[in-house]
Amino acid sequence: MDNYYIFTTSVYDTIDKDKIYSREYDWNKENVALLATEPLTGFIREYNNSSDMVNYLNSQSSWPIFGDLRFEEEYIPEIDDI
């Protein structure tokens, strides 16, 4: 999968969660960085690989520090959205 994106939370809330493999919020939960199982639209940033996205996120104070394998953790709506 090479579908790495950053969405505003309001747009993210409208996305079919079955298309999300992994996701993380910024500190204020205003934006969501994610790895999708297929191409998506409506994003504010797009990346071809996790390294580029993690480098960007780590350079922004509004995001927690991410490790290189952060987006390997699978998002499971039934568990993660509780």
PDB file of N, CA and C in Angstrom:
ATOM      1  N   MET A   1       0.843  -1.193   0.000  1.00  0.00           N
ATOM      2  CA  MET A   1       0.000   0.000   0.000  1.00  0.00           C
ATOM      3  C   MET A   1       0.879   1.243   0.000  1.00  0.00           C
ATOM      4  N   ASP A   2       0.574   2.167  -0.855  1.00  0.00           N
ATOM      5  CA  ASP A   2       1.312   3.429  -0.917  1.00  0.00           C
ATOM      6  C   ASP A   2       0.375   4.613  -0.858  1.00  0.00           C
ATOM      7  N   ASN A   3      -0.680   4.500  -0.113  1.00  0.00           N
ATOM      8  CA  ASN A   3      -1.696   5.552  -0.036  1.00  0.00           C
ATOM      9  C   ASN A   3      -1.652   6.214   1.334  1.00  0.00           C
ATOM     10  N   TYR A   4      -0.692   7.145   1.504  1.00  0.00           N
ATOM     11  CA  TYR A   4      -0.508   7.841   2.768  1.00  0.00           C
ATOM     12  C   TYR A   4      -1.074   9.249   2.627  1.00  0.00           C
ATOM     13  N   TYR A   5      -1.915   9.640   3.583  1.00  0.00           N
ATOM     14  CA  TYR A   5      -2.600  10.927   3.476  1.00  0.00           C
ATOM     15  C   TYR A   5      -2.715  11.615   4.826  1.00  0.00           C
ATOM     16  N   ILE A   6      -2.946  12.923   4.751  1.00  0.00           N
ATOM     17  CA  ILE A   6      -3.374  13.695   5.916  1.00  0.00           C
ATOM     18  C   ILE A   6      -4.702  14.339   5.540  1.00  0.00           C
ATOM     19  N   PHE A   7      -5.683  14.157   6.406  1.00  0.00           N
ATOM     20  CA  PHE A   7      -7.026  14.715   6.226  1.00  0.00           C
ATOM     21  C   PHE A   7      -7.384  15.589   7.409  1.00  0.00           C
ATOM     22  N   THR A   8      -8.262  16.557   7.197  1.00  0.00           N
ATOM     23  CA  THR A   8      -8.869  17.217   8.340  1.00  0.00           C
ATOM     24  C   THR A   8      -9.784  16.195   9.002  1.00  0.00           C
ATOM     25  N   THR A   9     -10.017  16.352  10.271  1.00  0.00           N
ATOM     26  CA  THR A   9     -10.872  15.401  10.990  1.00  0.00           C
ATOM     27  C   THR A   9     -12.283  15.391  10.423  1.00  0.00           C
ATOM     28  N   SER A  10     -12.791  16.553  10.021  1.00  0.00           N
ATOM     29  CA  SER A  10     -14.161  16.597   9.496  1.00  0.00           C
ATOM     30  C   SER A  10     -14.292  15.807   8.197  1.00  0.00           C
ATOM     31  N   VAL A  11     -13.288  15.839   7.325  1.00  0.00           N
ATOM     32  CA  VAL A  11     -13.324  15.035   6.105  1.00  0.00           C
ATOM     33  C   VAL A  11     -13.102  13.567   6.448  1.00  0.00           C
ATOM     34  N   TYR A  12     -12.161  13.298   7.341  1.00  0.00           N
ATOM     35  CA  TYR A  12     -11.901  11.914   7.758  1.00  0.00           C
ATOM     36  C   TYR A  12     -13.168  11.242   8.268  1.00  0.00           C
ATOM     37  N   ASP A  13     -13.970  11.973   9.013  1.00  0.00           N
ATOM     38  CA  ASP A  13     -15.201  11.405   9.584  1.00  0.00           C
ATOM     39  C   ASP A  13     -16.180  10.912   8.517  1.00  0.00           C
ATOM     40  N   THR A  14     -16.026  11.380   7.274  1.00  0.00           N
ATOM     41  CA  THR A  14     -16.931  10.977   6.194  1.00  0.00           C
ATOM     42  C   THR A  14     -16.395   9.801   5.377  1.00  0.00           C
ATOM     43  N   ILE A  15     -15.159   9.389   5.618  1.00  0.00           N
ATOM     44  CA  ILE A  15     -14.526   8.319   4.841  1.00  0.00           C
ATOM     45  C   ILE A  15     -15.003   6.956   5.333  1.00  0.00           C
ATOM     46  N   ASP A  16     -15.194   6.050   4.399  1.00  0.00           N
ATOM     47  CA  ASP A  16     -15.527   4.663   4.721  1.00  0.00           C
ATOM     48  C   ASP A  16     -14.346   4.055   5.481  1.00  0.00           C
ATOM     49  N   LYS A  17     -14.546   3.691   6.738  1.00  0.00           N
ATOM     50  CA  LYS A  17     -13.459   3.198   7.583  1.00  0.00           C
ATOM     51  C   LYS A  17     -12.902   1.859   7.105  1.00  0.00           C
ATOM     52  N   ASP A  18     -13.607   1.149   6.245  1.00  0.00           N
ATOM     53  CA  ASP A  18     -13.077  -0.090   5.676  1.00  0.00           C
ATOM     54  C   ASP A  18     -11.905   0.179   4.738  1.00  0.00           C
ATOM     55  N   LYS A  19     -11.723   1.435   4.339  1.00  0.00           N
ATOM     56  CA  LYS A  19     -10.623   1.810   3.444  1.00  0.00           C
ATOM     57  C   LYS A  19      -9.376   2.256   4.205  1.00  0.00           C
ATOM     58  N   ILE A  20      -9.446   2.253   5.541  1.00  0.00           N
ATOM     59  CA  ILE A  20      -8.345   2.721   6.373  1.00  0.00           C
ATOM     60  C   ILE A  20      -7.591   1.529   6.942  1.00  0.00           C
ATOM     61  N   TYR A  21      -6.267   1.504   6.718  1.00  0.00           N
ATOM     62  CA  TYR A  21      -5.455   0.446   7.326  1.00  0.00           C
ATOM     63  C   TYR A  21      -4.904   0.892   8.678  1.00  0.00           C
ATOM     64  N   SER A  22      -4.412   2.131   8.735  1.00  0.00           N
ATOM     65  CA  SER A  22      -3.804   2.649   9.955  1.00  0.00           C
ATOM     66  C   SER A  22      -4.058   4.145  10.019  1.00  0.00           C
ATOM     67  N   ARG A  23      -4.216   4.686  11.240  1.00  0.00           N
ATOM     68  CA  ARG A  23      -4.443   6.123  11.346  1.00  0.00           C
ATOM     69  C   ARG A  23      -3.968   6.660  12.683  1.00  0.00           C
ATOM     70  N   GLU A  24      -3.597   7.944  12.689  1.00  0.00           N
ATOM     71  CA  GLU A  24      -3.151   8.643  13.894  1.00  0.00           C
ATOM     72  C   GLU A  24      -3.649  10.084  13.842  1.00  0.00           C
ATOM     73  N   TYR A  25      -4.014  10.626  14.993  1.00  0.00           N
ATOM     74  CA  TYR A  25      -4.466  12.025  15.093  1.00  0.00           C
ATOM     75  C   TYR A  25      -3.330  12.936  15.527  1.00  0.00           C
ATOM     76  N   ASP A  26      -3.456  14.241  15.186  1.00  0.00           N
ATOM     77  CA  ASP A  26      -2.544  15.229  15.742  1.00  0.00           C
ATOM     78  C   ASP A  26      -2.950  15.480  17.193  1.00  0.00           C
ATOM     79  N   TRP A  27      -2.164  16.298  17.909  1.00  0.00           N
ATOM     80  CA  TRP A  27      -2.429  16.531  19.335  1.00  0.00           C
ATOM     81  C   TRP A  27      -3.835  17.055  19.596  1.00  0.00           C
ATOM     82  N   ASN A  28      -4.342  17.927  18.742  1.00  0.00           N
ATOM     83  CA  ASN A  28      -5.650  18.553  18.957  1.00  0.00           C
ATOM     84  C   ASN A  28      -6.802  17.821  18.270  1.00  0.00           C
ATOM     85  N   LYS A  29      -6.487  16.700  17.636  1.00  0.00           N
ATOM     86  CA  LYS A  29      -7.468  15.912  16.883  1.00  0.00           C
ATOM     87  C   LYS A  29      -8.174  16.740  15.807  1.00  0.00           C
ATOM     88  N   GLU A  30      -7.422  17.663  15.192  1.00  0.00           N
ATOM     89  CA  GLU A  30      -7.930  18.464  14.079  1.00  0.00           C
ATOM     90  C   GLU A  30      -7.598  17.828  12.734  1.00  0.00           C
ATOM     91  N   ASN A  31      -6.552  16.990  12.712  1.00  0.00           N
ATOM     92  CA  ASN A  31      -6.100  16.335  11.482  1.00  0.00           C
ATOM     93  C   ASN A  31      -5.805  14.869  11.761  1.00  0.00           C
ATOM     94  N   VAL A  32      -5.878  14.074  10.699  1.00  0.00           N
ATOM     95  CA  VAL A  32      -5.638  12.636  10.801  1.00  0.00           C
ATOM     96  C   VAL A  32      -4.649  12.225   9.711  1.00  0.00           C
ATOM     97  N   ALA A  33      -3.582  11.548  10.111  1.00  0.00           N
ATOM     98  CA  ALA A  33      -2.644  10.953   9.161  1.00  0.00           C
ATOM     99  C   ALA A  33      -3.018   9.491   9.035  1.00  0.00           C
ATOM    100  N   LEU A  34      -3.051   8.988   7.795  1.00  0.00           N
ATOM    101  CA  LEU A  34      -3.502   7.607   7.634  1.00  0.00           C
ATOM    102  C   LEU A  34      -2.856   6.910   6.457  1.00  0.00           C
ATOM    103  N   LEU A  35      -2.918   5.594   6.530  1.00  0.00           N
ATOM    104  CA  LEU A  35      -2.545   4.707   5.430  1.00  0.00           C
ATOM    105  C   LEU A  35      -3.843   4.061   4.969  1.00  0.00           C
ATOM    106  N   ALA A  36      -4.181   4.248   3.697  1.00  0.00           N
ATOM    107  CA  ALA A  36      -5.428   3.717   3.146  1.00  0.00           C
ATOM    108  C   ALA A  36      -5.160   2.481   2.296  1.00  0.00           C
ATOM    109  N   THR A  37      -6.174   1.638   2.186  1.00  0.00           N
ATOM    110  CA  THR A  37      -6.054   0.419   1.395  1.00  0.00           C
ATOM    111  C   THR A  37      -6.271   0.673  -0.090  1.00  0.00           C
ATOM    112  N   GLU A  38      -6.726   1.893  -0.430  1.00  0.00           N
ATOM    113  CA  GLU A  38      -6.931   2.275  -1.828  1.00  0.00           C
ATOM    114  C   GLU A  38      -6.825   3.791  -1.939  1.00  0.00           C
ATOM    115  N   PRO A  39      -6.652   4.334  -3.147  1.00  0.00           N
ATOM    116  CA  PRO A  39      -6.551   5.781  -3.305  1.00  0.00           C
ATOM    117  C   PRO A  39      -7.807   6.492  -2.790  1.00  0.00           C
ATOM    118  N   LEU A  40      -7.580   7.648  -2.133  1.00  0.00           N
ATOM    119  CA  LEU A  40      -8.677   8.453  -1.599  1.00  0.00           C
ATOM    120  C   LEU A  40      -8.574   9.873  -2.141  1.00  0.00           C
ATOM    121  N   THR A  41      -9.624  10.654  -1.985  1.00  0.00           N
ATOM    122  CA  THR A  41      -9.633  12.061  -2.394  1.00  0.00           C
ATOM    123  C   THR A  41     -10.026  12.918  -1.194  1.00  0.00           C
ATOM    124  N   GLY A  42      -9.848  14.221  -1.314  1.00  0.00           N
ATOM    125  CA  GLY A  42     -10.249  15.153  -0.273  1.00  0.00           C
ATOM    126  C   GLY A  42      -9.176  15.427   0.764  1.00  0.00           C
ATOM    127  N   PHE A  43      -7.986  14.885   0.566  1.00  0.00           N
ATOM    128  CA  PHE A  43      -6.886  15.043   1.519  1.00  0.00           C
ATOM    129  C   PHE A  43      -6.255  16.425   1.432  1.00  0.00           C
ATOM    130  N   ILE A  44      -5.504  16.799   2.499  1.00  0.00           N
ATOM    131  CA  ILE A  44      -4.751  18.055   2.460  1.00  0.00           C
ATOM    132  C   ILE A  44      -3.281  17.818   2.114  1.00  0.00           C
ATOM    133  N   ARG A  45      -2.797  16.582   2.318  1.00  0.00           N
ATOM    134  CA  ARG A  45      -1.443  16.191   1.922  1.00  0.00           C
ATOM    135  C   ARG A  45      -1.470  14.724   1.513  1.00  0.00           C
ATOM    136  N   GLU A  46      -0.597  14.386   0.559  1.00  0.00           N
ATOM    137  CA  GLU A  46      -0.496  13.006   0.070  1.00  0.00           C
ATOM    138  C   GLU A  46       0.976  12.617   0.007  1.00  0.00           C
ATOM    139  N   TYR A  47       1.276  11.358   0.358  1.00  0.00           N
ATOM    140  CA  TYR A  47       2.649  10.855   0.348  1.00  0.00           C
ATOM    141  C   TYR A  47       2.685   9.496  -0.331  1.00  0.00           C
ATOM    142  N   ASN A  48       3.834   9.183  -0.935  1.00  0.00           N
ATOM    143  CA  ASN A  48       4.017   7.897  -1.612  1.00  0.00           C
ATOM    144  C   ASN A  48       4.581   6.822  -0.699  1.00  0.00           C
ATOM    145  N   ASN A  49       5.070   7.232   0.483  1.00  0.00           N
ATOM    146  CA  ASN A  49       5.645   6.248   1.405  1.00  0.00           C
ATOM    147  C   ASN A  49       5.563   6.760   2.838  1.00  0.00           C
ATOM    148  N   SER A  50       5.707   5.845   3.772  1.00  0.00           N
ATOM    149  CA  SER A  50       5.580   6.213   5.182  1.00  0.00           C
ATOM    150  C   SER A  50       6.736   7.088   5.651  1.00  0.00           C
ATOM    151  N   SER A  51       7.943   6.884   5.118  1.00  0.00           N
ATOM    152  CA  SER A  51       9.093   7.683   5.556  1.00  0.00           C
ATOM    153  C   SER A  51       8.882   9.163   5.307  1.00  0.00           C
ATOM    154  N   ASP A  52       8.400   9.514   4.118  1.00  0.00           N
ATOM    155  CA  ASP A  52       8.163  10.925   3.809  1.00  0.00           C
ATOM    156  C   ASP A  52       7.096  11.516   4.721  1.00  0.00           C
ATOM    157  N   MET A  53       6.028  10.761   4.973  1.00  0.00           N
ATOM    158  CA  MET A  53       4.973  11.281   5.837  1.00  0.00           C
ATOM    159  C   MET A  53       5.466  11.397   7.278  1.00  0.00           C
ATOM    160  N   VAL A  54       6.168  10.399   7.775  1.00  0.00           N
ATOM    161  CA  VAL A  54       6.682  10.451   9.143  1.00  0.00           C
ATOM    162  C   VAL A  54       7.668  11.603   9.300  1.00  0.00           C
ATOM    163  N   ASN A  55       8.531  11.828   8.318  1.00  0.00           N
ATOM    164  CA  ASN A  55       9.460  12.966   8.377  1.00  0.00           C
ATOM    165  C   ASN A  55       8.706  14.286   8.460  1.00  0.00           C
ATOM    166  N   TYR A  56       7.651  14.428   7.665  1.00  0.00           N
ATOM    167  CA  TYR A  56       6.849  15.651   7.719  1.00  0.00           C
ATOM    168  C   TYR A  56       6.185  15.803   9.086  1.00  0.00           C
ATOM    169  N   LEU A  57       5.527  14.747   9.553  1.00  0.00           N
ATOM    170  CA  LEU A  57       4.820  14.820  10.839  1.00  0.00           C
ATOM    171  C   LEU A  57       5.776  15.146  11.980  1.00  0.00           C
ATOM    172  N   ASN A  58       6.958  14.547  11.968  1.00  0.00           N
ATOM    173  CA  ASN A  58       7.936  14.795  13.026  1.00  0.00           C
ATOM    174  C   ASN A  58       8.504  16.206  12.978  1.00  0.00           C
ATOM    175  N   SER A  59       8.356  16.898  11.867  1.00  0.00           N
ATOM    176  CA  SER A  59       8.838  18.275  11.764  1.00  0.00           C
ATOM    177  C   SER A  59       7.780  19.286  12.204  1.00  0.00           C
ATOM    178  N   GLN A  60       6.590  18.801  12.527  1.00  0.00           N
ATOM    179  CA  GLN A  60       5.473  19.672  12.908  1.00  0.00           C
ATOM    180  C   GLN A  60       5.181  19.521  14.403  1.00  0.00           C
ATOM    181  N   SER A  61       5.129  20.616  15.125  1.00  0.00           N
ATOM    182  CA  SER A  61       4.897  20.540  16.570  1.00  0.00           C
ATOM    183  C   SER A  61       3.469  20.131  16.926  1.00  0.00           C
ATOM    184  N   SER A  62       2.569  20.172  15.961  1.00  0.00           N
ATOM    185  CA  SER A  62       1.177  19.806  16.236  1.00  0.00           C
ATOM    186  C   SER A  62       0.949  18.296  16.227  1.00  0.00           C
ATOM    187  N   TRP A  63       1.995  17.530  15.918  1.00  0.00           N
ATOM    188  CA  TRP A  63       1.882  16.063  15.860  1.00  0.00           C
ATOM    189  C   TRP A  63       2.823  15.431  16.885  1.00  0.00           C
ATOM    190  N   PRO A  64       2.436  14.279  17.466  1.00  0.00           N
ATOM    191  CA  PRO A  64       3.385  13.561  18.323  1.00  0.00           C
ATOM    192  C   PRO A  64       4.548  13.031  17.478  1.00  0.00           C
ATOM    193  N   ILE A  65       5.621  12.639  18.117  1.00  0.00           N
ATOM    194  CA  ILE A  65       6.763  12.073  17.397  1.00  0.00           C
ATOM    195  C   ILE A  65       6.409  10.646  16.973  1.00  0.00           C
ATOM    196  N   PHE A  66       6.623  10.352  15.705  1.00  0.00           N
ATOM    197  CA  PHE A  66       6.299   9.051  15.145  1.00  0.00           C
ATOM    198  C   PHE A  66       7.569   8.292  14.799  1.00  0.00           C
ATOM    199  N   GLY A  67       7.563   6.986  15.003  1.00  0.00           N
ATOM    200  CA  GLY A  67       8.637   6.111  14.574  1.00  0.00           C
ATOM    201  C   GLY A  67       8.378   5.640  13.151  1.00  0.00           C
ATOM    202  N   ASP A  68       9.379   5.075  12.531  1.00  0.00           N
ATOM    203  CA  ASP A  68       9.254   4.634  11.138  1.00  0.00           C
ATOM    204  C   ASP A  68       8.188   3.566  10.930  1.00  0.00           C
ATOM    205  N   LEU A  69       7.906   2.773  11.931  1.00  0.00           N
ATOM    206  CA  LEU A  69       6.947   1.682  11.770  1.00  0.00           C
ATOM    207  C   LEU A  69       5.559   2.037  12.293  1.00  0.00           C
ATOM    208  N   ARG A  70       5.311   3.278  12.568  1.00  0.00           N
ATOM    209  CA  ARG A  70       4.048   3.703  13.180  1.00  0.00           C
ATOM    210  C   ARG A  70       2.821   3.266  12.386  1.00  0.00           C
ATOM    211  N   PHE A  71       2.884   3.321  11.089  1.00  0.00           N
ATOM    212  CA  PHE A  71       1.713   3.023  10.272  1.00  0.00           C
ATOM    213  C   PHE A  71       1.609   1.541   9.913  1.00  0.00           C
ATOM    214  N   GLU A  72       2.394   0.709  10.598  1.00  0.00           N
ATOM    215  CA  GLU A  72       2.271  -0.741  10.460  1.00  0.00           C
ATOM    216  C   GLU A  72       1.198  -1.287  11.404  1.00  0.00           C
ATOM    217  N   GLU A  73       0.770  -0.462  12.377  1.00  0.00           N
ATOM    218  CA  GLU A  73      -0.244  -0.875  13.346  1.00  0.00           C
ATOM    219  C   GLU A  73      -1.626  -0.741  12.712  1.00  0.00           C
ATOM    220  N   GLU A  74      -2.335  -1.849  12.634  1.00  0.00           N
ATOM    221  CA  GLU A  74      -3.631  -1.841  11.957  1.00  0.00           C
ATOM    222  C   GLU A  74      -4.705  -1.156  12.788  1.00  0.00           C
ATOM    223  N   TYR A  75      -5.481  -0.315  12.121  1.00  0.00           N
ATOM    224  CA  TYR A  75      -6.630   0.364  12.720  1.00  0.00           C
ATOM    225  C   TYR A  75      -7.823  -0.579  12.670  1.00  0.00           C
ATOM    226  N   ILE A  76      -8.443  -0.820  13.825  1.00  0.00           N
ATOM    227  CA  ILE A  76      -9.620  -1.679  13.893  1.00  0.00           C
ATOM    228  C   ILE A  76     -10.752  -0.848  14.509  1.00  0.00           C
ATOM    229  N   PRO A  77     -11.692  -0.380  13.695  1.00  0.00           N
ATOM    230  CA  PRO A  77     -12.729   0.528  14.194  1.00  0.00           C
ATOM    231  C   PRO A  77     -13.464   0.013  15.432  1.00  0.00           C
ATOM    232  N   GLU A  78     -13.752  -1.267  15.488  1.00  0.00           N
ATOM    233  CA  GLU A  78     -14.492  -1.818  16.615  1.00  0.00           C
ATOM    234  C   GLU A  78     -13.732  -1.680  17.936  1.00  0.00           C
ATOM    235  N   ILE A  79     -12.419  -1.578  17.864  1.00  0.00           N
ATOM    236  CA  ILE A  79     -11.597  -1.445  19.066  1.00  0.00           C
ATOM    237  C   ILE A  79     -11.112  -0.009  19.246  1.00  0.00           C
ATOM    238  N   ASP A  80     -10.576   0.590  18.187  1.00  0.00           N
ATOM    239  CA  ASP A  80      -9.940   1.895  18.273  1.00  0.00           C
ATOM    240  C   ASP A  80     -10.916   3.045  18.425  1.00  0.00           C
ATOM    241  N   ASP A  81     -12.176   2.879  18.071  1.00  0.00           N
ATOM    242  CA  ASP A  81     -13.133   3.968  18.144  1.00  0.00           C
ATOM    243  C   ASP A  81     -13.980   3.931  19.418  1.00  0.00           C
ATOM    244  N   ILE A  82     -13.593   3.114  20.361  1.00  0.00           N
ATOM    245  CA  ILE A  82     -14.363   3.018  21.619  1.00  0.00           C
ATOM    246  C   ILE A  82     -14.035   4.181  22.507  1.00  0.00           C
TER     247      ILE A  82
END
